């Protein structure tokens, strides 16, 4: 299956008795019930429900390995660190020790789980793609054909960091509805997202469009014939 390097990925280790509860209280998905061997994605949001970063959480047993993004890591740490207060949580950046890639165009049967194969951690985060993490000394083959990856994303309407997933958007607008848990307790940005859901109006929506059919300013990922765009619901 094709693999592409995940250049903007970062990795932090979150340790302490309160780490799971801490992430659950700050992000959109339900994390508190995770157990060792599970992987789950969630979104850190501002009080206005704008995206701080999309996170992939690996429950490693004694700690949590959290994949986020280098371009947003400083902002994420600034967002969460002051909120630790007296909780038992420590965060260590281990990005420089690891390499990352995405395996796509696949059919995952074990979504929500991860396993180690030949020194590579395979996180089955979606039915159609996986996140692979390995230390720098592990040989990991991948292609650099980003164009084919983004064409695949467009075909499957997969939002991506830096394209659709940006700090100017909220999770519902970029197609991350499945990461906004509707039955969990309060978290930062929850009131805004809950109001959008209850009213059935989220303002904007991720859509696959034929090139030339909408204004270019709405296009987030440009493809050869089709593109991804975030457009207002009334458009």
Protein backbone atom coordinates (compact mmCIF):
# COMPACT_ATOMS: atom_id res chain seq x y z
CA UNK A 1 0.00 0.00 0.00
CA UNK A 2 1.26 3.53 -0.73
CA UNK A 3 2.94 5.48 2.03
CA UNK A 4 3.82 9.15 2.21
CA UNK A 5 6.04 10.97 4.70
CA UNK A 6 4.13 12.94 7.33
CA UNK A 7 6.49 15.90 7.46
CA UNK A 8 4.60 18.15 9.90
CA UNK A 9 3.94 15.46 12.52
CA UNK A 10 5.16 15.91 16.09
CA UNK A 11 5.10 13.54 19.07
CA UNK A 12 4.84 14.29 22.76
CA UNK A 13 4.73 11.95 25.74
CA UNK A 14 2.09 12.77 28.36
CA UNK A 15 2.69 11.10 31.72
CA UNK A 16 1.06 11.19 35.13
CA UNK A 17 -2.05 9.84 36.83
CA UNK A 18 -4.19 12.68 35.46
CA UNK A 19 -2.97 12.70 31.83
CA UNK A 20 -5.99 10.92 30.33
CA UNK A 21 -8.49 13.02 32.25
CA UNK A 22 -6.55 16.17 31.39
CA UNK A 23 -6.78 15.59 27.62
CA UNK A 24 -10.44 14.59 27.94
CA UNK A 25 -11.23 17.86 29.70
CA UNK A 26 -9.58 20.00 27.03
CA UNK A 27 -10.59 18.33 23.77
CA UNK A 28 -13.67 17.41 21.75
CA UNK A 29 -13.69 13.60 21.75
CA UNK A 30 -14.19 11.20 24.64
CA UNK A 31 -10.73 10.10 25.79
CA UNK A 32 -11.25 9.22 29.45
CA UNK A 33 -12.36 5.63 28.73
CA UNK A 34 -9.33 4.68 26.60
CA UNK A 35 -7.33 1.61 27.61
CA UNK A 36 -3.88 0.33 26.70
CA UNK A 37 -3.59 -0.60 23.04
CA UNK A 38 -6.18 1.88 21.81
CA UNK A 39 -5.65 4.90 19.55
CA UNK A 40 -8.14 7.72 19.22
CA UNK A 41 -8.23 11.16 17.65
CA UNK A 42 -9.50 14.33 19.28
CA UNK A 43 -9.42 18.07 18.64
CA UNK A 44 -8.14 20.76 20.98
CA UNK A 45 -10.23 23.90 20.48
CA UNK A 46 -10.36 27.47 21.74
CA UNK A 47 -13.27 28.95 23.69
CA UNK A 48 -14.65 30.02 20.28
CA UNK A 49 -14.34 26.37 19.10
CA UNK A 50 -11.56 27.20 16.62
CA UNK A 51 -9.03 24.42 16.10
CA UNK A 52 -5.82 24.56 18.13
CA UNK A 53 -4.63 21.18 16.86
CA UNK A 54 -5.81 17.75 15.81
CA UNK A 55 -4.31 15.06 18.07
CA UNK A 56 -3.91 11.30 17.75
CA UNK A 57 -3.64 9.69 21.19
CA UNK A 58 -1.94 6.31 21.67
CA UNK A 59 -2.58 4.69 25.06
CA UNK A 60 0.76 3.00 25.78
CA UNK A 61 -0.17 1.78 29.26
CA UNK A 62 2.14 3.79 31.50
CA UNK A 63 1.91 6.92 29.37
CA UNK A 64 0.14 8.52 26.40
CA UNK A 65 1.94 9.16 23.12
CA UNK A 66 0.23 12.10 21.43
CA UNK A 67 0.85 12.89 17.78
CA UNK A 68 0.10 16.48 16.86
CA UNK A 69 1.82 18.89 14.46
CA UNK A 70 5.14 20.72 14.61
CA UNK A 71 3.61 23.87 13.12
CA UNK A 72 1.04 24.00 15.94
CA UNK A 73 3.00 22.48 18.81
CA UNK A 74 4.06 25.76 20.38
CA UNK A 75 0.50 27.05 20.29
CA UNK A 76 -0.84 23.76 21.67
CA UNK A 77 1.58 23.74 24.61
CA UNK A 78 0.76 27.38 25.34
CA UNK A 79 -2.91 26.38 25.31
CA UNK A 80 -2.67 23.37 27.65
CA UNK A 81 0.31 23.95 29.97
CA UNK A 82 -1.21 26.78 32.08
CA UNK A 83 -4.22 24.54 32.69
CA UNK A 84 -2.24 21.73 34.35
CA UNK A 85 -2.28 23.58 37.68
CA UNK A 86 -2.02 20.95 40.46
CA UNK A 87 -2.80 17.96 38.26
CA UNK A 88 -0.27 15.16 37.86
CA UNK A 89 0.67 15.70 34.21
CA UNK A 90 4.03 16.14 32.46
CA UNK A 91 4.56 16.67 28.74
CA UNK A 92 7.84 15.89 26.93
CA UNK A 93 8.54 16.56 23.25
CA UNK A 94 10.12 13.49 21.56
CA UNK A 95 9.54 14.52 17.94
CA UNK A 96 13.24 14.58 17.05
CA UNK A 97 13.63 10.88 17.89
CA UNK A 98 10.91 9.69 15.54
CA UNK A 99 9.77 9.53 11.93
CA UNK A 100 6.21 9.51 10.66
CA UNK A 101 4.28 8.47 7.58
CA UNK A 102 0.74 7.82 6.38
CA UNK A 103 -0.31 4.56 4.73
CA UNK A 104 -3.39 5.21 2.63
CA UNK A 105 -5.78 3.55 0.23
CA UNK A 106 -6.26 0.59 2.57
CA UNK A 107 -9.12 -1.19 4.35
CA UNK A 108 -8.50 -1.24 8.08
CA UNK A 109 -10.42 -3.79 10.10
CA UNK A 110 -9.07 -2.76 13.52
CA UNK A 111 -9.90 0.94 13.67
CA UNK A 112 -9.14 2.31 17.12
CA UNK A 113 -6.26 -0.10 17.80
CA UNK A 114 -2.51 0.00 17.19
CA UNK A 115 0.25 -2.57 16.98
CA UNK A 116 4.00 -2.76 16.46
CA UNK A 117 5.24 -4.51 13.32
CA UNK A 118 8.98 -4.69 12.62
CA UNK A 119 9.61 -1.77 14.97
CA UNK A 120 6.93 0.43 13.40
CA UNK A 121 3.82 1.43 15.34
CA UNK A 122 0.76 1.20 13.11
CA UNK A 123 -2.12 3.31 14.38
CA UNK A 124 -5.37 2.28 12.71
CA UNK A 125 -7.09 5.63 13.06
CA UNK A 126 -9.44 5.39 10.08
CA UNK A 127 -10.91 2.72 7.82
CA UNK A 128 -8.97 4.11 4.88
CA UNK A 129 -5.59 5.14 6.31
CA UNK A 130 -3.12 4.52 9.13
CA UNK A 131 -0.55 6.60 11.00
CA UNK A 132 2.89 4.95 11.21
CA UNK A 133 5.51 6.02 13.77
CA UNK A 134 9.04 4.64 14.13
CA UNK A 135 12.32 5.66 15.72
CA UNK A 136 14.91 7.16 13.39
CA UNK A 137 17.00 3.99 13.26
CA UNK A 138 14.16 1.91 11.79
CA UNK A 139 14.11 1.60 8.00
CA UNK A 140 10.71 2.69 6.72
CA UNK A 141 9.95 2.87 3.03
CA UNK A 142 7.64 5.57 1.76
CA UNK A 143 6.94 7.53 -1.40
CA UNK A 144 7.18 11.28 -1.76
CA UNK A 145 4.33 11.62 -4.24
CA UNK A 146 2.25 14.10 -2.31
CA UNK A 147 0.13 14.83 -5.36
CA UNK A 148 -1.28 11.29 -5.44
CA UNK A 149 -1.91 11.46 -1.69
CA UNK A 150 -3.85 14.70 -1.97
CA UNK A 151 -5.81 13.39 -4.98
CA UNK A 152 -6.75 10.43 -2.80
CA UNK A 153 -7.77 12.80 0.01
CA UNK A 154 -9.96 14.78 -2.35
CA UNK A 155 -11.67 11.65 -3.64
CA UNK A 156 -12.40 10.48 -0.08
CA UNK A 157 -13.00 13.92 1.47
CA UNK A 158 -10.28 13.48 4.06
CA UNK A 159 -9.42 16.81 5.80
CA UNK A 160 -5.75 17.47 6.52
CA UNK A 161 -3.65 19.69 8.72
CA UNK A 162 -2.60 22.93 7.04
CA UNK A 163 -5.23 22.58 4.33
CA UNK A 164 -8.66 22.16 5.89
CA UNK A 165 -7.60 21.70 9.52
CA UNK A 166 -6.47 25.19 10.45
CA UNK A 167 -6.91 27.60 13.36
CA UNK A 168 -9.47 29.63 11.34
CA UNK A 169 -11.97 26.75 11.25
CA UNK A 170 -13.96 24.72 13.76
CA UNK A 171 -14.03 20.89 13.68
CA UNK A 172 -17.52 20.58 12.19
CA UNK A 173 -16.67 22.83 9.24
CA UNK A 174 -13.69 20.69 8.20
CA UNK A 175 -15.43 17.33 8.35
CA UNK A 176 -14.27 16.19 11.80
CA UNK A 177 -17.80 15.69 13.14
CA UNK A 178 -16.95 12.17 14.32
CA UNK A 179 -14.38 13.65 16.70
CA UNK A 180 -16.92 15.88 18.44
CA UNK A 181 -18.48 13.62 21.08
CA UNK A 182 -22.02 14.76 21.81
CA UNK A 183 -22.44 12.99 25.16
CA UNK A 184 -19.30 13.94 27.07
CA UNK A 185 -18.84 16.58 29.72
CA UNK A 186 -17.66 20.13 29.39
CA UNK A 187 -14.46 20.99 27.51
CA UNK A 188 -13.05 24.15 25.98
CA UNK A 189 -15.23 25.13 23.00
CA UNK A 190 -17.98 22.65 23.90
CA UNK A 191 -20.76 25.22 24.28
CA UNK A 192 -20.21 26.63 20.79
CA UNK A 193 -20.06 23.22 19.10
CA UNK A 194 -23.07 21.90 21.05
CA UNK A 195 -25.10 24.93 19.99
CA UNK A 196 -24.23 24.36 16.32
CA UNK A 197 -25.22 20.70 16.57
CA UNK A 198 -28.47 21.35 18.42
CA UNK A 199 -29.52 23.98 15.89
CA UNK A 200 -28.44 21.87 12.94
CA UNK A 201 -26.37 24.71 11.57
CA UNK A 202 -22.58 24.77 11.53
CA UNK A 203 -22.02 27.72 9.19
CA UNK A 204 -19.57 26.03 6.84
CA UNK A 205 -19.10 22.54 5.45
CA UNK A 206 -16.31 20.56 3.80
CA UNK A 207 -17.32 19.65 0.25
CA UNK A 208 -15.79 17.95 -2.80
CA UNK A 209 -16.35 20.19 -5.81
CA UNK A 210 -15.59 20.10 -9.50
CA UNK A 211 -12.88 22.58 -10.43
CA UNK A 212 -14.16 25.88 -11.73
CA UNK A 213 -17.61 25.61 -10.13
CA UNK A 214 -16.94 27.81 -7.10
CA UNK A 215 -14.79 30.80 -6.23
CA UNK A 216 -11.14 29.82 -5.69
CA UNK A 217 -11.13 31.50 -2.27
CA UNK A 218 -13.15 28.60 -0.87
CA UNK A 219 -10.78 25.91 -2.17
CA UNK A 220 -8.59 24.30 0.50
CA UNK A 221 -6.99 21.45 -1.49
CA UNK A 222 -6.67 21.89 -5.26
CA UNK A 223 -6.77 18.74 -7.38
CA UNK A 224 -6.52 18.03 -11.07
CA UNK A 225 -10.25 17.86 -11.74
CA UNK A 226 -11.87 18.04 -8.32
CA UNK A 227 -10.95 19.91 -5.13
CA UNK A 228 -11.88 20.16 -1.48
CA UNK A 229 -13.54 23.38 -0.39
CA UNK A 230 -15.06 24.78 2.77
CA UNK A 231 -18.21 26.63 1.79
CA UNK A 232 -21.07 28.25 3.64
CA UNK A 233 -24.14 26.06 4.01
CA UNK A 234 -26.26 28.58 2.14
CA UNK A 235 -23.93 28.46 -0.93
